[in-house]
């Protein structure tokens, strides 16, 4: 095997063809612009590869928390997080290009736009962002080729990672195992006790939170606007509260990595928005969007795992946590001979 052949460098390194050169008006920074965006797309491909593997693990009918598969999912999500940190930092390289440098070739790109990145839209969809939740749906349908828009709509019919995580949380076995709650009257007894602790922890300006707590955790009525079910929310909150138990460490890491992915996606969008403002001010994007205005609204609206992030509103300090029944504590710890 020969290094250039294995990496197919003859294809990769011959894939940069500046439009300004073709038109006889060479713009030096267009090469940087092309390479940075090609690098983004390569990393998007790797992220989709990792997310696809995690999707396959989470889609299994029964996930054994004692098996290696959950650890594999956690490790691959951690890889996605680290790649996304790199993508955010890559904007620093892009910002070495000045607005005048960009204007040398910007008009030659119309109507192409980063908004047309199919891999990024596939990633958002597979994670759980629905078309109905997207900001600027008129841009979504008008800026993509019809077959690409149809592909996203078809993908939306498949089960996204967010829904698989919801199913996984619903299957948490400890609440349905009566032996775990010896000395308690069951799961409801725990949540009633925790509710009182949470209520007592609220400051004067937070008392209204108890009403939201009751709506989200003390009923099983379902909430049409929520992607996580009542049972899934209780499981996720329990994992966050008792994450120091060995069995819950990997589930907590998985949830935390999803929150990191959301945070980094938002960070990338904000960095991108500020860069666009610096480069073109209030001008419209090459694809016809409102530029900074569109990016700002998308950054605010396109959180995918926001319901998980909001669960931190219902935590109490570690020292106030109720002691779990001995039988449950043993199940959450390492097996002893």
Foldseek 3Di string as FASTA:
>chain_A
DDVCVVVVVVVVVPPQDDPCVVVVQDQVCSSVVVVLVVVVLVLLVLLCVLQVLLLVQLPDPDHDLPDCSLVSNLVSLVVNLVSLVVNLVSVVVVLVQALVSCVSCQLVCFPDDPLAPLSVLLVLLQQPFDLVLFPPNVLVCPLYDNVSSVVSVVSNVDDHPLLSLLVNLLVPPQQVDVVQAVVAPGPLRQVVVLLVVLCVQDDPVCNCVSVVCCVQAVDQPADPVDSHGSSSLVSLLVLVLPVVQQSSVSVVSSLVSLVSVLVSVLSSLVSLLVSQCRNPNQDAHSNGHRRSVSSVVRSVRSRRPVVSVCSVVRDDDNVSRDDGDPSNSQVSHDDDD
